[in-house]
Structure formats: structure tokens, C-alpha cells
N, C-alpha and C. Protein backbone atom coordinates (compact mmCIF):
# COMPACT_ATOMS: atom_id res chain seq x y z
N MET A 1 -19.58 0.14 24.30
CA MET A 1 -18.82 1.17 23.63
C MET A 1 -17.59 1.50 24.47
N ALA A 2 -16.45 1.64 23.80
CA ALA A 2 -15.21 2.01 24.48
C ALA A 2 -15.36 3.43 25.02
N ARG A 3 -14.52 3.78 25.97
CA ARG A 3 -14.60 5.08 26.61
C ARG A 3 -13.84 6.14 25.81
N LEU A 4 -14.57 7.11 25.33
CA LEU A 4 -13.96 8.26 24.68
C LEU A 4 -13.80 9.35 25.73
N GLN A 5 -12.80 10.18 25.55
CA GLN A 5 -12.63 11.31 26.47
C GLN A 5 -13.83 12.24 26.34
N THR A 6 -14.19 12.85 27.44
CA THR A 6 -15.36 13.72 27.49
C THR A 6 -15.30 14.82 26.43
N ALA A 7 -14.13 15.43 26.26
CA ALA A 7 -13.98 16.50 25.28
C ALA A 7 -14.23 15.98 23.86
N ALA A 8 -13.77 14.77 23.58
CA ALA A 8 -13.97 14.18 22.25
C ALA A 8 -15.44 13.90 22.02
N VAL A 9 -16.12 13.35 23.01
CA VAL A 9 -17.55 13.08 22.90
C VAL A 9 -18.31 14.37 22.61
N LYS A 10 -17.98 15.40 23.35
CA LYS A 10 -18.64 16.70 23.18
C LYS A 10 -18.41 17.23 21.76
N GLN A 11 -17.19 17.14 21.27
CA GLN A 11 -16.87 17.66 19.94
C GLN A 11 -17.58 16.85 18.85
N ILE A 12 -17.61 15.54 18.98
CA ILE A 12 -18.29 14.69 18.00
C ILE A 12 -19.79 14.98 18.01
N GLU A 13 -20.36 15.18 19.19
CA GLU A 13 -21.78 15.53 19.28
C GLU A 13 -22.05 16.87 18.61
N GLU A 14 -21.12 17.83 18.78
CA GLU A 14 -21.27 19.13 18.14
C GLU A 14 -21.21 19.00 16.62
N ILE A 15 -20.32 18.14 16.13
CA ILE A 15 -20.23 17.91 14.69
C ILE A 15 -21.55 17.33 14.18
N CYS A 16 -22.10 16.36 14.89
CA CYS A 16 -23.39 15.77 14.49
C CYS A 16 -24.50 16.82 14.50
N ASP A 17 -24.50 17.69 15.51
CA ASP A 17 -25.53 18.72 15.62
C ASP A 17 -25.47 19.73 14.48
N ARG A 18 -24.27 19.98 13.94
CA ARG A 18 -24.10 20.92 12.82
C ARG A 18 -24.98 20.55 11.63
N TYR A 19 -25.17 19.26 11.45
CA TYR A 19 -25.87 18.77 10.26
C TYR A 19 -27.25 18.20 10.56
N LYS A 20 -27.81 18.61 11.70
CA LYS A 20 -29.10 18.08 12.15
C LYS A 20 -30.22 18.29 11.13
N GLY A 21 -30.23 19.41 10.43
CA GLY A 21 -31.29 19.72 9.48
C GLY A 21 -31.09 19.11 8.09
N GLU A 22 -29.95 18.50 7.86
CA GLU A 22 -29.64 17.94 6.54
C GLU A 22 -30.41 16.64 6.32
N THR A 23 -30.79 16.41 5.06
CA THR A 23 -31.50 15.18 4.72
C THR A 23 -30.59 13.97 4.82
N THR A 24 -29.35 14.09 4.33
CA THR A 24 -28.38 12.99 4.36
C THR A 24 -27.06 13.52 4.93
N PRO A 25 -26.96 13.57 6.24
CA PRO A 25 -25.81 14.22 6.88
C PRO A 25 -24.55 13.35 7.05
N LEU A 26 -24.64 12.05 6.81
CA LEU A 26 -23.58 11.14 7.22
C LEU A 26 -22.22 11.48 6.62
N MET A 27 -22.15 11.70 5.33
CA MET A 27 -20.85 11.98 4.70
C MET A 27 -20.22 13.25 5.29
N MET A 28 -21.02 14.27 5.53
CA MET A 28 -20.50 15.52 6.08
C MET A 28 -20.00 15.32 7.51
N ILE A 29 -20.76 14.57 8.30
CA ILE A 29 -20.36 14.30 9.68
C ILE A 29 -19.05 13.51 9.70
N LEU A 30 -18.99 12.44 8.92
CA LEU A 30 -17.78 11.60 8.90
C LEU A 30 -16.58 12.37 8.38
N SER A 31 -16.81 13.19 7.37
CA SER A 31 -15.72 14.00 6.81
C SER A 31 -15.14 14.94 7.87
N ASP A 32 -16.01 15.60 8.62
CA ASP A 32 -15.55 16.51 9.67
C ASP A 32 -14.79 15.76 10.77
N ILE A 33 -15.29 14.59 11.14
CA ILE A 33 -14.62 13.80 12.17
C ILE A 33 -13.26 13.33 11.67
N GLN A 34 -13.20 12.87 10.41
CA GLN A 34 -11.93 12.43 9.82
C GLN A 34 -10.91 13.58 9.81
N LYS A 35 -11.37 14.78 9.43
CA LYS A 35 -10.47 15.95 9.41
C LYS A 35 -9.96 16.27 10.81
N GLU A 36 -10.83 16.16 11.79
CA GLU A 36 -10.49 16.53 13.16
C GLU A 36 -9.56 15.51 13.82
N TYR A 37 -9.84 14.22 13.64
CA TYR A 37 -9.12 13.20 14.38
C TYR A 37 -8.19 12.34 13.52
N GLY A 38 -8.39 12.36 12.21
CA GLY A 38 -7.53 11.58 11.32
C GLY A 38 -8.01 10.16 11.09
N TYR A 39 -9.02 9.73 11.82
CA TYR A 39 -9.58 8.40 11.63
C TYR A 39 -10.93 8.32 12.35
N ILE A 40 -11.67 7.21 12.05
CA ILE A 40 -13.01 7.06 12.62
C ILE A 40 -13.14 5.65 13.19
N PRO A 41 -12.71 5.45 14.44
CA PRO A 41 -12.79 4.12 15.05
C PRO A 41 -14.23 3.73 15.39
N LEU A 42 -14.43 2.46 15.71
CA LEU A 42 -15.75 1.92 15.99
C LEU A 42 -16.48 2.68 17.09
N GLU A 43 -15.78 3.05 18.17
CA GLU A 43 -16.46 3.75 19.26
C GLU A 43 -17.02 5.10 18.81
N VAL A 44 -16.36 5.74 17.86
CA VAL A 44 -16.87 7.00 17.31
C VAL A 44 -18.08 6.73 16.42
N GLN A 45 -18.01 5.66 15.64
CA GLN A 45 -19.15 5.28 14.80
C GLN A 45 -20.38 4.99 15.67
N GLU A 46 -20.17 4.35 16.81
CA GLU A 46 -21.28 4.06 17.72
C GLU A 46 -21.90 5.35 18.27
N LEU A 47 -21.05 6.31 18.59
CA LEU A 47 -21.54 7.60 19.09
C LEU A 47 -22.33 8.33 18.01
N VAL A 48 -21.82 8.32 16.78
CA VAL A 48 -22.53 8.96 15.66
C VAL A 48 -23.88 8.27 15.46
N SER A 49 -23.90 6.96 15.58
CA SER A 49 -25.14 6.20 15.44
C SER A 49 -26.17 6.63 16.50
N GLU A 50 -25.73 6.72 17.74
CA GLU A 50 -26.61 7.14 18.83
C GLU A 50 -27.16 8.54 18.57
N LYS A 51 -26.31 9.41 18.09
CA LYS A 51 -26.67 10.82 17.90
C LYS A 51 -27.57 11.03 16.69
N THR A 52 -27.39 10.22 15.64
CA THR A 52 -28.12 10.46 14.38
C THR A 52 -29.24 9.46 14.11
N GLY A 53 -29.19 8.31 14.77
CA GLY A 53 -30.17 7.27 14.49
C GLY A 53 -29.81 6.41 13.27
N ILE A 54 -28.66 6.67 12.68
CA ILE A 54 -28.18 5.88 11.55
C ILE A 54 -27.49 4.65 12.13
N SER A 55 -27.76 3.49 11.57
CA SER A 55 -27.20 2.26 12.14
C SER A 55 -25.67 2.23 12.03
N VAL A 56 -25.05 1.55 12.99
CA VAL A 56 -23.61 1.38 12.98
C VAL A 56 -23.20 0.63 11.70
N ALA A 57 -24.00 -0.32 11.27
CA ALA A 57 -23.70 -1.07 10.06
C ALA A 57 -23.61 -0.15 8.84
N GLU A 58 -24.52 0.78 8.72
CA GLU A 58 -24.49 1.72 7.60
C GLU A 58 -23.29 2.64 7.71
N ILE A 59 -23.01 3.13 8.89
CA ILE A 59 -21.86 4.02 9.10
C ILE A 59 -20.56 3.28 8.77
N TYR A 60 -20.44 2.06 9.28
CA TYR A 60 -19.25 1.24 9.02
C TYR A 60 -19.10 0.99 7.52
N GLY A 61 -20.21 0.73 6.85
CA GLY A 61 -20.18 0.51 5.41
C GLY A 61 -19.63 1.70 4.66
N VAL A 62 -20.03 2.90 5.06
CA VAL A 62 -19.55 4.12 4.41
C VAL A 62 -18.06 4.33 4.72
N VAL A 63 -17.68 4.15 5.98
CA VAL A 63 -16.29 4.36 6.38
C VAL A 63 -15.34 3.40 5.65
N THR A 64 -15.76 2.16 5.48
CA THR A 64 -14.90 1.18 4.83
C THR A 64 -14.97 1.23 3.30
N PHE A 65 -16.03 1.81 2.75
CA PHE A 65 -16.16 1.90 1.29
C PHE A 65 -15.28 3.00 0.72
N TYR A 66 -15.27 4.16 1.34
CA TYR A 66 -14.53 5.30 0.82
C TYR A 66 -13.11 5.32 1.36
N SER A 67 -12.14 5.39 0.44
CA SER A 67 -10.73 5.28 0.82
C SER A 67 -10.23 6.47 1.63
N PHE A 68 -10.92 7.61 1.57
CA PHE A 68 -10.44 8.78 2.32
C PHE A 68 -10.82 8.70 3.80
N PHE A 69 -11.66 7.74 4.17
CA PHE A 69 -11.94 7.50 5.58
C PHE A 69 -11.04 6.38 6.07
N SER A 70 -10.71 6.40 7.34
CA SER A 70 -9.81 5.39 7.90
C SER A 70 -10.32 4.92 9.26
N LEU A 71 -10.15 3.63 9.52
CA LEU A 71 -10.51 3.06 10.82
C LEU A 71 -9.36 3.17 11.82
N LYS A 72 -8.16 3.41 11.30
CA LYS A 72 -6.96 3.48 12.14
C LYS A 72 -6.26 4.82 11.93
N PRO A 73 -5.52 5.28 12.93
CA PRO A 73 -4.78 6.54 12.77
C PRO A 73 -3.76 6.43 11.64
N LYS A 74 -3.57 7.53 10.93
CA LYS A 74 -2.58 7.59 9.85
C LYS A 74 -1.34 8.31 10.37
N GLY A 75 -0.25 8.10 9.66
CA GLY A 75 1.00 8.76 10.02
C GLY A 75 0.99 10.24 9.65
N LYS A 76 2.04 10.94 10.06
CA LYS A 76 2.18 12.35 9.71
C LYS A 76 2.35 12.50 8.21
N VAL A 77 2.99 11.51 7.60
CA VAL A 77 3.23 11.51 6.16
C VAL A 77 2.47 10.33 5.56
N VAL A 78 1.47 10.63 4.72
CA VAL A 78 0.66 9.58 4.10
C VAL A 78 1.10 9.44 2.64
N VAL A 79 1.69 8.30 2.34
CA VAL A 79 2.19 8.00 1.00
C VAL A 79 1.16 7.13 0.30
N GLY A 80 0.59 7.65 -0.79
CA GLY A 80 -0.37 6.89 -1.56
C GLY A 80 0.20 6.58 -2.93
N CYS A 81 0.34 5.32 -3.22
CA CYS A 81 0.86 4.90 -4.52
C CYS A 81 -0.30 4.46 -5.39
N CYS A 82 -0.47 5.11 -6.52
CA CYS A 82 -1.54 4.75 -7.43
C CYS A 82 -1.21 3.42 -8.10
N LEU A 83 -2.16 2.50 -8.04
CA LEU A 83 -2.00 1.20 -8.71
C LEU A 83 -3.08 1.01 -9.77
N GLY A 84 -3.64 2.13 -10.25
CA GLY A 84 -4.58 2.07 -11.36
C GLY A 84 -3.88 1.50 -12.59
N THR A 85 -4.63 1.18 -13.60
CA THR A 85 -4.08 0.48 -14.77
C THR A 85 -2.89 1.20 -15.40
N ALA A 86 -3.02 2.49 -15.69
CA ALA A 86 -1.92 3.22 -16.34
C ALA A 86 -0.66 3.23 -15.47
N CYS A 87 -0.84 3.47 -14.18
CA CYS A 87 0.31 3.49 -13.27
C CYS A 87 0.91 2.10 -13.11
N TYR A 88 0.06 1.11 -13.01
CA TYR A 88 0.52 -0.27 -12.83
C TYR A 88 1.37 -0.71 -14.02
N VAL A 89 0.88 -0.42 -15.22
CA VAL A 89 1.60 -0.80 -16.44
C VAL A 89 2.97 -0.12 -16.51
N LYS A 90 3.07 1.07 -15.93
CA LYS A 90 4.34 1.82 -15.99
C LYS A 90 5.23 1.59 -14.77
N GLY A 91 4.93 0.57 -13.95
CA GLY A 91 5.85 0.20 -12.88
C GLY A 91 5.46 0.58 -11.47
N ALA A 92 4.20 0.90 -11.25
CA ALA A 92 3.77 1.32 -9.91
C ALA A 92 3.97 0.24 -8.85
N GLN A 93 3.83 -1.02 -9.23
CA GLN A 93 4.01 -2.10 -8.24
C GLN A 93 5.43 -2.10 -7.69
N GLN A 94 6.40 -1.88 -8.55
CA GLN A 94 7.80 -1.83 -8.10
C GLN A 94 8.04 -0.61 -7.20
N VAL A 95 7.36 0.48 -7.51
CA VAL A 95 7.49 1.70 -6.71
C VAL A 95 6.92 1.48 -5.30
N ILE A 96 5.70 0.93 -5.22
CA ILE A 96 5.11 0.70 -3.89
C ILE A 96 5.92 -0.35 -3.13
N ASP A 97 6.45 -1.34 -3.84
CA ASP A 97 7.30 -2.34 -3.18
C ASP A 97 8.55 -1.69 -2.58
N LYS A 98 9.11 -0.70 -3.27
CA LYS A 98 10.30 -0.01 -2.77
C LYS A 98 9.95 0.82 -1.53
N PHE A 99 8.83 1.53 -1.58
CA PHE A 99 8.38 2.27 -0.39
C PHE A 99 8.21 1.31 0.78
N SER A 100 7.58 0.19 0.53
CA SER A 100 7.33 -0.82 1.55
C SER A 100 8.64 -1.35 2.13
N GLU A 101 9.59 -1.62 1.28
CA GLU A 101 10.90 -2.14 1.72
C GLU A 101 11.63 -1.12 2.60
N ILE A 102 11.69 0.12 2.16
CA ILE A 102 12.43 1.15 2.89
C ILE A 102 11.72 1.52 4.20
N LEU A 103 10.40 1.66 4.14
CA LEU A 103 9.65 2.06 5.33
C LEU A 103 9.37 0.90 6.28
N LYS A 104 9.58 -0.33 5.79
CA LYS A 104 9.35 -1.54 6.58
C LYS A 104 7.89 -1.68 7.02
N ILE A 105 6.99 -1.29 6.12
CA ILE A 105 5.55 -1.45 6.34
C ILE A 105 4.90 -1.91 5.04
N LYS A 106 3.76 -2.56 5.17
CA LYS A 106 2.99 -2.99 4.01
C LYS A 106 1.93 -1.94 3.71
N PRO A 107 1.39 -1.94 2.49
CA PRO A 107 0.28 -1.03 2.21
C PRO A 107 -0.85 -1.22 3.23
N GLY A 108 -1.37 -0.09 3.71
CA GLY A 108 -2.42 -0.12 4.72
C GLY A 108 -1.88 -0.02 6.14
N GLU A 109 -0.56 0.00 6.28
CA GLU A 109 0.05 0.05 7.62
C GLU A 109 0.70 1.41 7.88
N THR A 110 0.94 1.66 9.17
CA THR A 110 1.64 2.86 9.62
C THR A 110 2.89 2.43 10.36
N SER A 111 3.97 3.15 10.14
CA SER A 111 5.23 2.82 10.79
C SER A 111 5.09 2.92 12.30
N ASP A 112 5.91 2.15 13.02
CA ASP A 112 5.85 2.12 14.49
C ASP A 112 6.02 3.50 15.12
N ASP A 113 6.81 4.37 14.48
CA ASP A 113 7.03 5.71 15.02
C ASP A 113 5.90 6.69 14.69
N GLY A 114 4.90 6.22 13.92
CA GLY A 114 3.77 7.07 13.57
C GLY A 114 4.08 8.10 12.49
N MET A 115 5.23 7.97 11.86
CA MET A 115 5.65 8.95 10.87
C MET A 115 5.01 8.70 9.50
N PHE A 116 5.04 7.46 9.01
CA PHE A 116 4.59 7.16 7.66
C PHE A 116 3.43 6.17 7.63
N THR A 117 2.49 6.42 6.73
CA THR A 117 1.46 5.46 6.38
C THR A 117 1.60 5.21 4.89
N LEU A 118 1.51 3.96 4.49
CA LEU A 118 1.61 3.58 3.08
C LEU A 118 0.25 3.07 2.62
N ASP A 119 -0.29 3.68 1.57
CA ASP A 119 -1.58 3.27 1.04
C ASP A 119 -1.46 2.92 -0.44
N ALA A 120 -2.16 1.89 -0.85
CA ALA A 120 -2.29 1.53 -2.26
C ALA A 120 -3.59 2.16 -2.74
N LEU A 121 -3.51 3.02 -3.73
CA LEU A 121 -4.67 3.71 -4.25
C LEU A 121 -5.08 3.11 -5.59
N ARG A 122 -6.35 3.12 -5.88
CA ARG A 122 -6.82 2.52 -7.13
C ARG A 122 -6.58 3.42 -8.33
N CYS A 123 -6.96 4.66 -8.31
CA CYS A 123 -6.69 5.59 -9.40
C CYS A 123 -6.82 6.99 -8.84
N ILE A 124 -5.83 7.81 -9.10
CA ILE A 124 -5.90 9.19 -8.62
C ILE A 124 -6.13 10.16 -9.77
N GLY A 125 -6.40 9.63 -10.95
CA GLY A 125 -6.72 10.47 -12.10
C GLY A 125 -5.51 11.17 -12.70
N ALA A 126 -4.34 10.59 -12.51
CA ALA A 126 -3.11 11.18 -13.02
C ALA A 126 -2.46 10.26 -14.05
N CYS A 127 -3.28 9.65 -14.89
CA CYS A 127 -2.82 8.63 -15.83
C CYS A 127 -1.76 9.16 -16.80
N GLY A 128 -1.84 10.41 -17.17
CA GLY A 128 -0.88 11.00 -18.10
C GLY A 128 0.52 11.16 -17.53
N ILE A 129 0.64 11.09 -16.20
CA ILE A 129 1.95 11.26 -15.56
C ILE A 129 2.33 10.01 -14.76
N ALA A 130 1.81 8.88 -15.22
CA ALA A 130 2.02 7.59 -14.54
C ALA A 130 3.48 7.17 -14.58
N PRO A 131 3.92 6.44 -13.54
CA PRO A 131 3.21 6.14 -12.30
C PRO A 131 3.25 7.34 -11.34
N ALA A 132 2.15 7.55 -10.67
CA ALA A 132 2.03 8.71 -9.78
C ALA A 132 1.95 8.27 -8.32
N VAL A 133 2.53 9.11 -7.48
CA VAL A 133 2.49 8.91 -6.03
C VAL A 133 1.97 10.20 -5.42
N GLN A 134 1.12 10.07 -4.42
CA GLN A 134 0.59 11.24 -3.73
C GLN A 134 1.05 11.19 -2.29
N ILE A 135 1.71 12.27 -1.85
CA ILE A 135 2.18 12.34 -0.47
C ILE A 135 1.60 13.59 0.18
N ASN A 136 0.79 13.37 1.21
CA ASN A 136 0.12 14.47 1.92
C ASN A 136 -0.53 15.46 0.94
N GLY A 137 -1.13 14.93 -0.12
CA GLY A 137 -1.86 15.76 -1.07
C GLY A 137 -1.05 16.25 -2.26
N THR A 138 0.26 16.13 -2.22
CA THR A 138 1.11 16.54 -3.34
C THR A 138 1.34 15.34 -4.25
N VAL A 139 1.12 15.54 -5.55
CA VAL A 139 1.30 14.46 -6.51
C VAL A 139 2.70 14.52 -7.10
N TYR A 140 3.36 13.37 -7.10
CA TYR A 140 4.69 13.24 -7.68
C TYR A 140 4.57 12.42 -8.96
N PRO A 141 4.86 13.04 -10.12
CA PRO A 141 4.67 12.36 -11.40
C PRO A 141 5.84 11.47 -11.79
N LYS A 142 5.54 10.53 -12.68
CA LYS A 142 6.55 9.66 -13.28
C LYS A 142 7.54 9.13 -12.23
N MET A 143 6.98 8.60 -11.17
CA MET A 143 7.79 8.07 -10.06
C MET A 143 8.53 6.83 -10.52
N SER A 144 9.73 6.70 -10.02
CA SER A 144 10.54 5.50 -10.31
C SER A 144 11.15 5.01 -9.01
N VAL A 145 11.60 3.78 -9.03
CA VAL A 145 12.18 3.15 -7.84
C VAL A 145 13.36 3.97 -7.30
N ASP A 146 14.18 4.53 -8.19
CA ASP A 146 15.36 5.28 -7.74
C ASP A 146 15.00 6.63 -7.10
N LYS A 147 13.79 7.10 -7.27
CA LYS A 147 13.37 8.37 -6.65
C LYS A 147 12.77 8.18 -5.25
N VAL A 148 12.48 6.93 -4.88
CA VAL A 148 11.77 6.66 -3.63
C VAL A 148 12.60 7.04 -2.40
N ALA A 149 13.83 6.54 -2.28
CA ALA A 149 14.65 6.80 -1.09
C ALA A 149 14.90 8.30 -0.87
N PRO A 150 15.28 9.07 -1.90
CA PRO A 150 15.47 10.51 -1.66
C PRO A 150 14.19 11.22 -1.22
N LEU A 151 13.05 10.78 -1.75
CA LEU A 151 11.78 11.38 -1.38
C LEU A 151 11.44 11.09 0.09
N ILE A 152 11.68 9.86 0.51
CA ILE A 152 11.46 9.51 1.92
C ILE A 152 12.36 10.35 2.82
N GLU A 153 13.61 10.50 2.45
CA GLU A 153 14.54 11.30 3.25
C GLU A 153 14.09 12.74 3.36
N GLU A 154 13.59 13.27 2.24
CA GLU A 154 13.09 14.65 2.23
C GLU A 154 11.97 14.83 3.26
N TYR A 155 11.07 13.87 3.33
CA TYR A 155 9.96 13.96 4.28
C TYR A 155 10.42 13.68 5.71
N LYS A 156 11.38 12.80 5.88
CA LYS A 156 11.91 12.56 7.23
C LYS A 156 12.51 13.84 7.80
N GLU A 157 13.27 14.56 6.96
CA GLU A 157 13.88 15.81 7.40
C GLU A 157 12.83 16.88 7.69
N ALA A 158 11.82 16.95 6.83
CA ALA A 158 10.79 17.99 6.98
C ALA A 158 9.94 17.77 8.24
N PHE A 159 9.76 16.50 8.64
CA PHE A 159 8.89 16.20 9.77
C PHE A 159 9.67 15.75 11.01
N ALA A 160 10.96 15.94 10.98
CA ALA A 160 11.81 15.52 12.13
C ALA A 160 11.62 16.43 13.31
């Protein structure tokens, strides 16, 4: 196991202890860790496994199955482009391609400066306002290629 800082180990152990009496604590534990650190790397999964007795394979399976968990740190600004059927039909692929071009990252990557992460989402349930983009929890309806650059600039200024 890689070396985690002592304070991080203590905090992760405290998170695990919070749910000791629960029948199925894994989702709650991982959710709290994700909120606290922004991602759940393998060394943290190993620590959770030691603390709970749940296998690393099961933990890894949960972390990689659910899109809201991440194995890598995310940027300050997380751009999620919905590529569900309704959004895709209305041009979502061109929208995510434009984000990718301007940010110089592919879906699933974070910019070198740690500012932006670009994610391809399957469906965010916003089919009536397709194509939709979600940035740090805010949904932007009827997104088009020409709206991408101004939106990126707005976030660059806000997080500068």
C-alpha cells in the first residue's frame, strides 16, 4: 500500500467508523471520502478494505461502476457533457468536441493546471432541454458549440 499521510489515514478510519453499525456501509463510506478528497485512489480503497473487511475488488468495482466516484483528482471546474440519446441527437458530440478542443483535454482528463475536468455523461435526465451540459452541478440547457468558449471564459474568470 502506498503511504498516505497520517492525518488522511486517521480521517478515513473515522469515516469508516461512522458507519460501523450499518448493514451495507460501503456506498456511504465512499461517498464521504469522495466529498472530502475529490477522488478515491487505490491506496484509500486498500485502507477501507482493511478497516471494513470488504475486499478491494468489491470496493474497486463500486468505485469504477458509479460515475460520481473517481480514481483520479478532478479539476476545480468539472464539465459534464451529456451524451445520452436525446442530447446526442441534438448535437452533444459536437459540444463535447468543442470543450475538448478549447480545453486541450479529452473526456475523462483534467487540464495540466488542475482547473478543468471534462467528463462524458450518459444521461443526466435533462432530455427536454437537450443538449445539456452540467458544470459543477449547474445544468446549462440547449448548449451549442458557439456557447462553449464564453462559458469556459466565465469559469476561468470565476476561478482565477
